[in-house]
Amino acid sequence: MAYAYLFKYIIIGDTGVGKSCLLLQFTDKRFQPVHDLTIGVEFGARMITIDGKQIKLQIWDTAGQESFRSITRSYYRGAAGALLVYDITRRDTFNHLTTWLEDARQHSNSNMVIMLIGNKRHLLIQQKRFMKKSKKESLTLIMRQMALKLALSMLLLMQHMPAIREDSRPGAAAVESVFTVSLPTGARSLILSPSPPAQLRHETI
C-alpha cells in the first residue's frame, strides 16, 4: 500500500514493563498477557491515516536488559518518536526513567518526541479491589504512602520535562493515542526547521 510518509518509533524501558504488549496491541489489536522477554529488538509496522494522508509507522521494540543497551542505542538514529515505558506497579522501573531519558536524549536527534507511558494500570486496579475486599487499614496505609512517594518522584521528574500529557481512557484506546497523538509533532519536527527541543508526554494505560 502506498503511503505519504514513513516514520520510525522506538519503544524503550526496563525489562518486563510491557513494551512488546504495547507493540502487539497497536499492530495486531490483540492483548497478550504473557510474553517472552525480547532478545535484541522486535519489529512491527502499521498504516494509519492523519489529515487524509496515509502514514506508515515502523516500530522497534527493544530489549530492556543492560546487556542489550548498546544495541538499543543504535536504533535511536532516525527515530521520530520514542515511547519510554515503565510499570506503575514496580517502583524500580520508575526510578530508572531518568537513565533511559538521558540515554534517549544523548543518542537521538533533538527533534525526537519522547512520550512517557505508565503501563499495567489494570494490575493496579486489581490491587485496589483486593485491598477493598480485605479491609485491612495497614495495607491501605502502605499503598497510600507508596502512591505519595511515586507522586513526589513524578513531580521531580516533571521539573526536567517541557510538557506532560495524561490520558485516562481504557487500555486499547490509550494505546492508539500513544502512537497517533505523538505523530503529528514528530512529523512536524522532521519536516520543519528549526523546531523546539524534544518534549515528553505522559500516558497511563
N, C-alpha and C. Protein backbone atom coordinates (compact mmCIF):
# COMPACT_ATOMS: atom_id res chain seq x y z
N MET A 1 0.85 -1.19 0.00
CA MET A 1 0.00 0.00 0.00
C MET A 1 0.88 1.25 0.00
N ALA A 2 0.54 2.22 -0.86
CA ALA A 2 1.31 3.45 -0.94
C ALA A 2 1.08 4.31 0.29
N TYR A 3 2.08 5.06 0.67
CA TYR A 3 1.97 5.94 1.82
C TYR A 3 2.71 7.24 1.55
N ALA A 4 2.25 8.31 2.22
CA ALA A 4 2.83 9.63 2.02
C ALA A 4 4.09 9.83 2.85
N TYR A 5 4.08 9.29 4.07
CA TYR A 5 5.20 9.46 4.98
C TYR A 5 5.52 8.15 5.68
N LEU A 6 6.78 8.00 6.04
CA LEU A 6 7.24 6.85 6.81
C LEU A 6 7.96 7.37 8.05
N PHE A 7 7.50 6.93 9.23
CA PHE A 7 8.11 7.37 10.47
C PHE A 7 8.51 6.18 11.33
N LYS A 8 9.62 6.34 11.97
CA LYS A 8 10.18 5.29 12.83
C LYS A 8 9.96 5.63 14.30
N TYR A 9 9.50 4.64 15.06
CA TYR A 9 9.34 4.78 16.50
C TYR A 9 10.19 3.72 17.20
N ILE A 10 10.65 4.04 18.40
CA ILE A 10 11.40 3.09 19.21
C ILE A 10 10.75 3.02 20.59
N ILE A 11 10.57 1.80 21.10
CA ILE A 11 9.98 1.60 22.43
C ILE A 11 11.10 1.20 23.38
N ILE A 12 11.25 1.95 24.47
CA ILE A 12 12.35 1.71 25.41
C ILE A 12 11.82 1.62 26.83
N GLY A 13 12.63 1.06 27.71
CA GLY A 13 12.25 0.91 29.11
C GLY A 13 12.78 -0.40 29.67
N ASP A 14 12.62 -0.58 30.97
CA ASP A 14 13.13 -1.77 31.65
C ASP A 14 12.48 -3.05 31.12
N THR A 15 13.10 -4.16 31.43
CA THR A 15 12.56 -5.47 31.08
C THR A 15 11.25 -5.74 31.82
N GLY A 16 10.27 -6.28 31.10
CA GLY A 16 9.02 -6.70 31.72
C GLY A 16 8.01 -5.61 32.00
N VAL A 17 8.18 -4.42 31.41
CA VAL A 17 7.22 -3.33 31.66
C VAL A 17 6.05 -3.37 30.69
N GLY A 18 6.12 -4.22 29.66
CA GLY A 18 5.01 -4.34 28.72
C GLY A 18 5.25 -3.70 27.37
N LYS A 19 6.50 -3.50 27.00
CA LYS A 19 6.80 -2.87 25.71
C LYS A 19 6.29 -3.70 24.54
N SER A 20 6.55 -5.01 24.59
CA SER A 20 6.11 -5.89 23.49
C SER A 20 4.59 -5.97 23.41
N CYS A 21 3.93 -5.91 24.56
CA CYS A 21 2.46 -5.93 24.57
C CYS A 21 1.89 -4.67 23.93
N LEU A 22 2.53 -3.53 24.15
CA LEU A 22 2.10 -2.29 23.50
C LEU A 22 2.20 -2.42 21.99
N LEU A 23 3.33 -2.95 21.53
CA LEU A 23 3.53 -3.13 20.09
C LEU A 23 2.48 -4.06 19.51
N LEU A 24 2.23 -5.17 20.18
CA LEU A 24 1.27 -6.16 19.69
C LEU A 24 -0.15 -5.59 19.67
N GLN A 25 -0.50 -4.82 20.68
CA GLN A 25 -1.83 -4.22 20.75
C GLN A 25 -2.03 -3.24 19.59
N PHE A 26 -1.00 -2.46 19.29
CA PHE A 26 -1.13 -1.45 18.25
C PHE A 26 -1.11 -2.06 16.85
N THR A 27 -0.24 -3.01 16.61
CA THR A 27 -0.10 -3.56 15.26
C THR A 27 -1.13 -4.65 14.95
N ASP A 28 -1.45 -5.49 15.94
CA ASP A 28 -2.36 -6.63 15.72
C ASP A 28 -3.70 -6.49 16.44
N LYS A 29 -3.83 -5.43 17.27
CA LYS A 29 -5.06 -5.20 18.03
C LYS A 29 -5.44 -6.40 18.91
N ARG A 30 -4.47 -6.97 19.56
CA ARG A 30 -4.74 -8.07 20.49
C ARG A 30 -3.83 -7.95 21.71
N PHE A 31 -4.37 -8.40 22.83
CA PHE A 31 -3.64 -8.32 24.09
C PHE A 31 -3.09 -9.69 24.46
N GLN A 32 -1.81 -9.74 24.75
CA GLN A 32 -1.16 -10.99 25.14
C GLN A 32 -0.58 -10.80 26.54
N PRO A 33 -1.24 -11.36 27.57
CA PRO A 33 -0.82 -11.11 28.96
C PRO A 33 0.55 -11.65 29.30
N VAL A 34 0.98 -12.72 28.65
CA VAL A 34 2.29 -13.30 28.91
C VAL A 34 3.12 -13.24 27.63
N HIS A 35 4.31 -12.69 27.74
CA HIS A 35 5.15 -12.51 26.56
C HIS A 35 6.59 -12.83 26.92
N ASP A 36 7.28 -13.55 26.04
CA ASP A 36 8.69 -13.85 26.26
C ASP A 36 9.52 -12.57 26.24
N LEU A 37 10.60 -12.55 27.01
CA LEU A 37 11.47 -11.39 27.02
C LEU A 37 12.07 -11.17 25.64
N THR A 38 12.10 -9.91 25.23
CA THR A 38 12.65 -9.56 23.92
C THR A 38 14.17 -9.74 23.94
N ILE A 39 14.68 -10.40 22.91
CA ILE A 39 16.12 -10.57 22.74
C ILE A 39 16.56 -9.66 21.60
N GLY A 40 17.31 -8.63 21.92
CA GLY A 40 17.73 -7.67 20.90
C GLY A 40 16.61 -6.70 20.59
N VAL A 41 15.98 -6.85 19.42
CA VAL A 41 14.87 -5.99 19.03
C VAL A 41 13.80 -6.81 18.31
N GLU A 42 12.56 -6.33 18.38
CA GLU A 42 11.47 -6.87 17.58
C GLU A 42 10.88 -5.73 16.76
N PHE A 43 10.22 -6.09 15.66
CA PHE A 43 9.76 -5.07 14.72
C PHE A 43 8.29 -5.25 14.40
N GLY A 44 7.60 -4.13 14.25
CA GLY A 44 6.21 -4.14 13.83
C GLY A 44 5.92 -2.91 12.98
N ALA A 45 4.86 -2.97 12.18
CA ALA A 45 4.51 -1.83 11.33
C ALA A 45 2.99 -1.74 11.19
N ARG A 46 2.52 -0.52 10.94
CA ARG A 46 1.09 -0.33 10.73
C ARG A 46 0.85 0.96 9.96
N MET A 47 -0.18 0.95 9.13
CA MET A 47 -0.59 2.13 8.38
C MET A 47 -1.68 2.86 9.16
N ILE A 48 -1.58 4.17 9.26
CA ILE A 48 -2.62 4.99 9.87
C ILE A 48 -2.91 6.17 8.93
N THR A 49 -4.03 6.82 9.16
CA THR A 49 -4.41 7.97 8.34
C THR A 49 -4.50 9.21 9.21
N ILE A 50 -3.80 10.26 8.82
CA ILE A 50 -3.84 11.53 9.53
C ILE A 50 -4.03 12.64 8.50
N ASP A 51 -5.06 13.45 8.71
CA ASP A 51 -5.38 14.54 7.78
C ASP A 51 -5.51 14.04 6.35
N GLY A 52 -6.08 12.84 6.19
CA GLY A 52 -6.32 12.29 4.87
C GLY A 52 -5.10 11.69 4.20
N LYS A 53 -3.98 11.65 4.90
CA LYS A 53 -2.75 11.11 4.32
C LYS A 53 -2.40 9.77 4.97
N GLN A 54 -1.93 8.84 4.14
CA GLN A 54 -1.51 7.54 4.64
C GLN A 54 -0.11 7.65 5.24
N ILE A 55 0.00 7.24 6.50
CA ILE A 55 1.27 7.29 7.21
C ILE A 55 1.66 5.87 7.61
N LYS A 56 2.88 5.49 7.31
CA LYS A 56 3.37 4.18 7.74
C LYS A 56 4.28 4.35 8.95
N LEU A 57 3.96 3.62 10.02
CA LEU A 57 4.78 3.65 11.22
C LEU A 57 5.59 2.37 11.33
N GLN A 58 6.88 2.51 11.45
CA GLN A 58 7.76 1.39 11.73
C GLN A 58 8.14 1.47 13.21
N ILE A 59 7.86 0.41 13.96
CA ILE A 59 8.03 0.46 15.41
C ILE A 59 9.03 -0.61 15.85
N TRP A 60 10.05 -0.18 16.54
CA TRP A 60 11.10 -1.08 17.01
C TRP A 60 10.97 -1.27 18.51
N ASP A 61 10.71 -2.49 18.92
CA ASP A 61 10.57 -2.87 20.33
C ASP A 61 11.92 -3.38 20.82
N THR A 62 12.52 -2.68 21.77
CA THR A 62 13.88 -3.01 22.19
C THR A 62 13.91 -3.79 23.50
N ALA A 63 14.99 -4.53 23.70
CA ALA A 63 15.17 -5.28 24.94
C ALA A 63 15.56 -4.33 26.06
N GLY A 64 15.07 -4.61 27.27
CA GLY A 64 15.34 -3.73 28.39
C GLY A 64 16.57 -4.11 29.20
N GLN A 65 17.16 -5.27 28.90
CA GLN A 65 18.32 -5.71 29.66
C GLN A 65 19.53 -4.83 29.39
N GLU A 66 20.33 -4.63 30.42
CA GLU A 66 21.53 -3.81 30.30
C GLU A 66 22.47 -4.35 29.23
N SER A 67 22.52 -5.68 29.08
CA SER A 67 23.44 -6.30 28.12
C SER A 67 23.11 -5.95 26.67
N PHE A 68 21.86 -5.51 26.42
CA PHE A 68 21.46 -5.15 25.06
C PHE A 68 21.44 -3.63 24.85
N ARG A 69 21.89 -2.87 25.84
CA ARG A 69 21.77 -1.41 25.76
C ARG A 69 22.52 -0.84 24.56
N SER A 70 23.68 -1.39 24.25
CA SER A 70 24.45 -0.87 23.11
C SER A 70 23.71 -1.10 21.80
N ILE A 71 22.98 -2.22 21.70
CA ILE A 71 22.18 -2.49 20.50
C ILE A 71 21.02 -1.50 20.42
N THR A 72 20.38 -1.27 21.56
CA THR A 72 19.25 -0.34 21.60
C THR A 72 19.65 1.04 21.12
N ARG A 73 20.81 1.50 21.53
CA ARG A 73 21.25 2.86 21.19
C ARG A 73 21.34 3.08 19.69
N SER A 74 21.67 2.04 18.95
CA SER A 74 21.81 2.19 17.50
C SER A 74 20.46 2.43 16.82
N TYR A 75 19.36 2.11 17.49
CA TYR A 75 18.03 2.25 16.89
C TYR A 75 17.41 3.63 17.13
N TYR A 76 18.07 4.47 17.92
CA TYR A 76 17.59 5.84 18.09
C TYR A 76 17.76 6.64 16.80
N ARG A 77 18.73 6.27 16.00
CA ARG A 77 19.05 7.04 14.80
C ARG A 77 17.86 7.09 13.84
N GLY A 78 17.44 8.29 13.51
CA GLY A 78 16.35 8.47 12.56
C GLY A 78 14.96 8.29 13.13
N ALA A 79 14.84 8.11 14.44
CA ALA A 79 13.52 7.90 15.05
C ALA A 79 12.78 9.22 15.22
N ALA A 80 11.50 9.23 14.83
CA ALA A 80 10.66 10.41 15.02
C ALA A 80 10.14 10.49 16.44
N GLY A 81 10.02 9.33 17.10
CA GLY A 81 9.49 9.32 18.46
C GLY A 81 9.99 8.13 19.25
N ALA A 82 10.02 8.30 20.57
CA ALA A 82 10.38 7.21 21.48
C ALA A 82 9.30 7.08 22.54
N LEU A 83 8.88 5.86 22.81
CA LEU A 83 7.93 5.58 23.88
C LEU A 83 8.72 5.03 25.06
N LEU A 84 8.79 5.80 26.13
CA LEU A 84 9.53 5.41 27.33
C LEU A 84 8.54 4.80 28.31
N VAL A 85 8.64 3.49 28.54
CA VAL A 85 7.61 2.74 29.26
C VAL A 85 8.11 2.32 30.64
N TYR A 86 7.24 2.48 31.65
CA TYR A 86 7.51 1.93 32.97
C TYR A 86 6.27 1.22 33.48
N ASP A 87 6.45 0.35 34.47
CA ASP A 87 5.36 -0.43 35.07
C ASP A 87 4.92 0.29 36.33
N ILE A 88 3.67 0.75 36.38
CA ILE A 88 3.22 1.54 37.52
C ILE A 88 3.11 0.72 38.79
N THR A 89 3.23 -0.60 38.69
CA THR A 89 3.20 -1.45 39.88
C THR A 89 4.61 -1.82 40.36
N ARG A 90 5.63 -1.35 39.64
CA ARG A 90 7.02 -1.65 40.02
C ARG A 90 7.81 -0.36 40.14
N ARG A 91 8.09 0.01 41.37
CA ARG A 91 8.77 1.27 41.65
C ARG A 91 10.15 1.35 40.96
N ASP A 92 10.86 0.24 40.89
CA ASP A 92 12.21 0.26 40.32
C ASP A 92 12.20 0.70 38.86
N THR A 93 11.16 0.33 38.11
CA THR A 93 11.09 0.72 36.70
C THR A 93 10.87 2.22 36.56
N PHE A 94 10.21 2.82 37.54
CA PHE A 94 10.03 4.27 37.55
C PHE A 94 11.33 4.97 37.90
N ASN A 95 12.05 4.40 38.86
CA ASN A 95 13.32 5.00 39.28
C ASN A 95 14.34 5.04 38.16
N HIS A 96 14.22 4.13 37.20
CA HIS A 96 15.19 4.05 36.11
C HIS A 96 14.84 4.96 34.93
N LEU A 97 13.74 5.70 35.02
CA LEU A 97 13.31 6.54 33.89
C LEU A 97 14.35 7.59 33.53
N THR A 98 14.96 8.19 34.55
CA THR A 98 15.94 9.24 34.29
C THR A 98 17.10 8.72 33.44
N THR A 99 17.56 7.51 33.76
CA THR A 99 18.66 6.92 32.99
C THR A 99 18.25 6.69 31.54
N TRP A 100 17.03 6.15 31.34
CA TRP A 100 16.54 5.92 29.98
C TRP A 100 16.39 7.24 29.22
N LEU A 101 15.89 8.26 29.92
CA LEU A 101 15.67 9.55 29.28
C LEU A 101 17.00 10.17 28.85
N GLU A 102 17.97 10.11 29.73
CA GLU A 102 19.29 10.65 29.40
C GLU A 102 19.89 9.91 28.21
N ASP A 103 19.72 8.61 28.18
CA ASP A 103 20.24 7.80 27.08
C ASP A 103 19.56 8.18 25.76
N ALA A 104 18.24 8.35 25.82
CA ALA A 104 17.49 8.71 24.61
C ALA A 104 17.92 10.06 24.07
N ARG A 105 18.07 11.03 24.95
CA ARG A 105 18.44 12.37 24.50
C ARG A 105 19.87 12.42 23.99
N GLN A 106 20.71 11.58 24.52
CA GLN A 106 22.11 11.57 24.10
C GLN A 106 22.29 10.96 22.72
N HIS A 107 21.50 9.94 22.41
CA HIS A 107 21.72 9.18 21.17
C HIS A 107 20.70 9.46 20.07
N SER A 108 19.75 10.37 20.31
CA SER A 108 18.75 10.70 19.29
C SER A 108 18.95 12.12 18.82
N ASN A 109 18.21 12.50 17.77
CA ASN A 109 18.25 13.88 17.34
C ASN A 109 17.38 14.73 18.26
N SER A 110 17.64 16.02 18.31
CA SER A 110 16.97 16.90 19.27
C SER A 110 15.49 17.08 18.97
N ASN A 111 15.04 16.67 17.77
CA ASN A 111 13.64 16.84 17.39
C ASN A 111 12.75 15.67 17.80
N MET A 112 13.33 14.59 18.28
CA MET A 112 12.55 13.39 18.58
C MET A 112 11.58 13.62 19.74
N VAL A 113 10.34 13.20 19.54
CA VAL A 113 9.32 13.29 20.59
C VAL A 113 9.49 12.11 21.54
N ILE A 114 9.44 12.36 22.84
CA ILE A 114 9.53 11.30 23.84
C ILE A 114 8.22 11.28 24.63
N MET A 115 7.54 10.14 24.63
CA MET A 115 6.29 10.01 25.37
C MET A 115 6.48 9.03 26.52
N LEU A 116 6.15 9.46 27.72
CA LEU A 116 6.26 8.63 28.91
C LEU A 116 4.99 7.81 29.09
N ILE A 117 5.12 6.48 29.19
CA ILE A 117 3.98 5.58 29.28
C ILE A 117 3.98 4.87 30.62
N GLY A 118 2.94 5.10 31.43
CA GLY A 118 2.74 4.34 32.66
C GLY A 118 1.86 3.14 32.34
N ASN A 119 2.44 1.95 32.30
CA ASN A 119 1.75 0.76 31.83
C ASN A 119 1.25 -0.12 32.98
N LYS A 120 0.34 -1.04 32.66
CA LYS A 120 -0.22 -2.04 33.57
C LYS A 120 -1.13 -1.44 34.64
N ARG A 121 -1.92 -0.47 34.23
CA ARG A 121 -2.87 0.13 35.18
C ARG A 121 -3.90 -0.89 35.65
N HIS A 122 -4.19 -1.89 34.80
CA HIS A 122 -5.18 -2.90 35.18
C HIS A 122 -4.72 -3.69 36.40
N LEU A 123 -3.41 -3.87 36.56
CA LEU A 123 -2.90 -4.58 37.74
C LEU A 123 -3.08 -3.74 39.00
N LEU A 124 -2.94 -2.43 38.85
CA LEU A 124 -3.13 -1.54 39.99
C LEU A 124 -4.59 -1.55 40.44
N ILE A 125 -5.50 -1.60 39.46
CA ILE A 125 -6.94 -1.67 39.78
C ILE A 125 -7.25 -2.96 40.52
N GLN A 126 -6.64 -4.07 40.08
CA GLN A 126 -6.84 -5.34 40.77
C GLN A 126 -6.33 -5.28 42.20
N GLN A 127 -5.20 -4.60 42.41
CA GLN A 127 -4.66 -4.46 43.75
C GLN A 127 -5.61 -3.67 44.64
N LYS A 128 -6.20 -2.62 44.08
CA LYS A 128 -7.13 -1.80 44.86
C LYS A 128 -8.37 -2.59 45.24
N ARG A 129 -8.85 -3.43 44.32
CA ARG A 129 -10.02 -4.26 44.61
C ARG A 129 -9.72 -5.26 45.72
N PHE A 130 -8.51 -5.81 45.69
CA PHE A 130 -8.11 -6.74 46.74
C PHE A 130 -8.05 -6.04 48.08
N MET A 131 -7.50 -4.83 48.08
CA MET A 131 -7.40 -4.07 49.33
C MET A 131 -8.77 -3.76 49.90
N LYS A 132 -9.70 -3.40 49.01
CA LYS A 132 -11.05 -3.07 49.46
C LYS A 132 -11.72 -4.29 50.06
N LYS A 133 -11.49 -5.44 49.43
CA LYS A 133 -12.10 -6.68 49.90
C LYS A 133 -11.49 -7.10 51.23
N SER A 134 -10.20 -6.93 51.40
CA SER A 134 -9.53 -7.37 52.62
C SER A 134 -9.83 -6.45 53.80
N LYS A 135 -10.10 -5.16 53.50
CA LYS A 135 -10.44 -4.17 54.54
C LYS A 135 -9.36 -4.08 55.62
N LYS A 136 -8.12 -4.16 55.18
CA LYS A 136 -7.02 -4.05 56.13
C LYS A 136 -6.45 -2.64 56.05
N GLU A 137 -6.61 -1.88 57.13
CA GLU A 137 -6.18 -0.50 57.12
C GLU A 137 -4.67 -0.38 56.93
N SER A 138 -3.92 -1.33 57.43
CA SER A 138 -2.47 -1.26 57.30
C SER A 138 -2.05 -1.33 55.84
N LEU A 139 -2.69 -2.21 55.06
CA LEU A 139 -2.38 -2.32 53.64
C LEU A 139 -2.75 -1.04 52.91
N THR A 140 -3.90 -0.49 53.26
CA THR A 140 -4.34 0.75 52.63
C THR A 140 -3.35 1.87 52.90
N LEU A 141 -2.86 1.95 54.14
CA LEU A 141 -1.91 2.98 54.50
C LEU A 141 -0.61 2.83 53.71
N ILE A 142 -0.14 1.59 53.58
CA ILE A 142 1.09 1.33 52.84
C ILE A 142 0.94 1.76 51.38
N MET A 143 -0.20 1.42 50.77
CA MET A 143 -0.41 1.78 49.37
C MET A 143 -0.48 3.29 49.20
N ARG A 144 -1.10 3.98 50.15
CA ARG A 144 -1.18 5.44 50.07
C ARG A 144 0.20 6.06 50.18
N GLN A 145 1.02 5.51 51.06
CA GLN A 145 2.38 6.01 51.20
C GLN A 145 3.17 5.80 49.92
N MET A 146 2.98 4.61 49.29
CA MET A 146 3.67 4.33 48.04
C MET A 146 3.21 5.29 46.94
N ALA A 147 1.91 5.56 46.90
CA ALA A 147 1.36 6.47 45.89
C ALA A 147 1.92 7.88 46.08
N LEU A 148 2.06 8.30 47.35
CA LEU A 148 2.58 9.63 47.64
C LEU A 148 4.04 9.74 47.20
N LYS A 149 4.83 8.71 47.50
CA LYS A 149 6.23 8.71 47.10
C LYS A 149 6.36 8.75 45.58
N LEU A 150 5.49 7.99 44.89
CA LEU A 150 5.52 7.97 43.44
C LEU A 150 5.16 9.34 42.87
N ALA A 151 4.17 9.99 43.49
CA ALA A 151 3.75 11.31 43.04
C ALA A 151 4.87 12.33 43.22
N LEU A 152 5.57 12.25 44.35
CA LEU A 152 6.68 13.17 44.59
C LEU A 152 7.81 12.93 43.60
N SER A 153 8.08 11.66 43.29
CA SER A 153 9.12 11.33 42.31
C SER A 153 8.73 11.84 40.93
N MET A 154 7.44 11.70 40.57
CA MET A 154 6.96 12.20 39.29
C MET A 154 7.12 13.71 39.21
N LEU A 155 6.86 14.39 40.33
CA LEU A 155 7.00 15.84 40.37
C LEU A 155 8.44 16.25 40.08
N LEU A 156 9.39 15.52 40.68
CA LEU A 156 10.80 15.81 40.44
C LEU A 156 11.16 15.54 38.98
N LEU A 157 10.62 14.47 38.41
CA LEU A 157 10.89 14.15 37.01
C LEU A 157 10.32 15.21 36.09
N MET A 158 9.13 15.71 36.41
CA MET A 158 8.45 16.69 35.57
C MET A 158 9.22 18.01 35.50
N GLN A 159 10.02 18.29 36.51
CA GLN A 159 10.77 19.54 36.52
C GLN A 159 11.76 19.60 35.36
N HIS A 160 12.10 18.44 34.81
CA HIS A 160 13.05 18.38 33.71
C HIS A 160 12.35 18.19 32.36
N MET A 161 11.01 18.19 32.34
CA MET A 161 10.27 17.93 31.12
C MET A 161 9.51 19.18 30.68
N PRO A 162 9.56 19.52 29.38
CA PRO A 162 8.81 20.67 28.88
C PRO A 162 7.30 20.49 28.94
N ALA A 163 6.79 19.25 28.78
CA ALA A 163 5.34 19.05 28.73
C ALA A 163 4.98 17.66 29.20
N ILE A 164 3.81 17.55 29.86
CA ILE A 164 3.29 16.27 30.32
C ILE A 164 1.85 16.15 29.84
N ARG A 165 1.48 14.98 29.32
CA ARG A 165 0.11 14.76 28.86
C ARG A 165 -0.42 13.50 29.52
N GLU A 166 -1.63 13.56 30.10
CA GLU A 166 -2.23 12.41 30.75
C GLU A 166 -3.44 11.92 29.96
N ASP A 167 -3.70 10.62 30.03
CA ASP A 167 -4.83 10.01 29.33
C ASP A 167 -5.43 8.96 30.24
N SER A 168 -6.72 9.08 30.54
CA SER A 168 -7.38 8.15 31.46
C SER A 168 -8.27 7.15 30.74
N ARG A 169 -8.18 7.09 29.42
CA ARG A 169 -9.02 6.16 28.66
C ARG A 169 -8.58 4.72 28.88
N PRO A 170 -9.46 3.76 28.61
CA PRO A 170 -9.10 2.35 28.78
C PRO A 170 -7.96 1.95 27.86
N GLY A 171 -7.34 0.79 28.17
CA GLY A 171 -6.11 0.35 27.54
C GLY A 171 -6.02 0.48 26.04
N ALA A 172 -6.90 -0.19 25.28
CA ALA A 172 -6.79 -0.22 23.83
C ALA A 172 -6.85 1.18 23.23
N ALA A 173 -7.78 2.02 23.72
CA ALA A 173 -7.91 3.38 23.20
C ALA A 173 -6.67 4.20 23.51
N ALA A 174 -6.12 4.01 24.70
CA ALA A 174 -4.92 4.75 25.08
C ALA A 174 -3.72 4.34 24.24
N VAL A 175 -3.63 3.06 23.91
CA VAL A 175 -2.53 2.58 23.07
C VAL A 175 -2.59 3.23 21.70
N GLU A 176 -3.80 3.34 21.14
CA GLU A 176 -3.97 4.03 19.86
C GLU A 176 -3.47 5.46 19.97
N SER A 177 -3.85 6.12 21.07
CA SER A 177 -3.47 7.51 21.28
C SER A 177 -1.97 7.68 21.41
N VAL A 178 -1.33 6.73 22.05
CA VAL A 178 0.12 6.79 22.26
C VAL A 178 0.86 7.03 20.94
N PHE A 179 0.46 6.31 19.89
CA PHE A 179 1.16 6.42 18.61
C PHE A 179 0.63 7.58 17.77
N THR A 180 -0.68 7.75 17.72
CA THR A 180 -1.25 8.74 16.81
C THR A 180 -1.14 10.17 17.33
N VAL A 181 -1.25 10.36 18.64
CA VAL A 181 -1.19 11.72 19.19
C VAL A 181 0.21 12.29 19.07
N SER A 182 1.22 11.46 19.30
CA SER A 182 2.59 11.96 19.25
C SER A 182 3.11 12.12 17.83
N LEU A 183 2.46 11.47 16.85
CA LEU A 183 2.96 11.51 15.48
C LEU A 183 2.97 12.89 14.86
N PRO A 184 1.87 13.69 14.96
CA PRO A 184 1.91 14.99 14.30
C PRO A 184 3.09 15.84 14.73
N THR A 185 3.42 15.86 16.03
CA THR A 185 4.56 16.62 16.50
C THR A 185 5.84 16.05 15.93
N GLY A 186 5.93 14.72 15.92
CA GLY A 186 7.11 14.09 15.35
C GLY A 186 7.26 14.39 13.87
N ALA A 187 6.14 14.39 13.16
CA ALA A 187 6.17 14.68 11.74
C ALA A 187 6.64 16.11 11.49
N ARG A 188 6.08 17.05 12.24
CA ARG A 188 6.47 18.44 12.07
C ARG A 188 7.94 18.65 12.40
N SER A 189 8.41 17.92 13.41
CA SER A 189 9.80 18.11 13.83
C SER A 189 10.78 17.66 12.76
N LEU A 190 10.37 16.70 11.92
CA LEU A 190 11.24 16.23 10.85
C LEU A 190 11.10 17.07 9.59
N ILE A 191 9.91 17.62 9.37
CA ILE A 191 9.65 18.36 8.13
C ILE A 191 10.03 19.83 8.27
N LEU A 192 9.76 20.43 9.44
CA LEU A 192 10.00 21.84 9.65
C LEU A 192 11.31 22.06 10.40
N SER A 193 11.95 23.18 10.14
CA SER A 193 13.14 23.54 10.89
C SER A 193 13.27 25.07 10.89
N PRO A 194 13.77 25.68 11.98
CA PRO A 194 14.14 24.97 13.21
C PRO A 194 12.90 24.57 13.99
N SER A 195 13.05 23.67 14.97
CA SER A 195 11.92 23.20 15.76
C SER A 195 12.31 23.17 17.22
N PRO A 196 11.32 23.11 18.15
CA PRO A 196 11.61 23.14 19.58
C PRO A 196 12.29 21.86 20.03
N PRO A 197 12.90 21.88 21.22
CA PRO A 197 13.56 20.68 21.75
C PRO A 197 12.57 19.55 21.95
N ALA A 198 13.11 18.34 22.08
CA ALA A 198 12.26 17.17 22.31
C ALA A 198 11.42 17.35 23.55
N GLN A 199 10.16 16.94 23.49
CA GLN A 199 9.27 17.07 24.63
C GLN A 199 8.82 15.69 25.09
N LEU A 200 8.38 15.63 26.33
CA LEU A 200 7.92 14.36 26.87
C LEU A 200 6.46 14.47 27.23
N ARG A 201 5.66 13.48 26.79
CA ARG A 201 4.25 13.41 27.12
C ARG A 201 4.03 12.20 27.99
N HIS A 202 2.91 12.18 28.71
CA HIS A 202 2.68 11.09 29.67
C HIS A 202 1.33 10.44 29.46
N GLU A 203 1.32 9.11 29.37
CA GLU A 203 0.10 8.32 29.24
C GLU A 203 0.10 7.26 30.33
N THR A 204 -1.07 6.98 30.91
CA THR A 204 -1.23 5.87 31.84
C THR A 204 -2.26 4.93 31.25
N ILE A 205 -1.85 3.69 30.94
CA ILE A 205 -2.76 2.77 30.25
C ILE A 205 -2.80 1.43 30.96
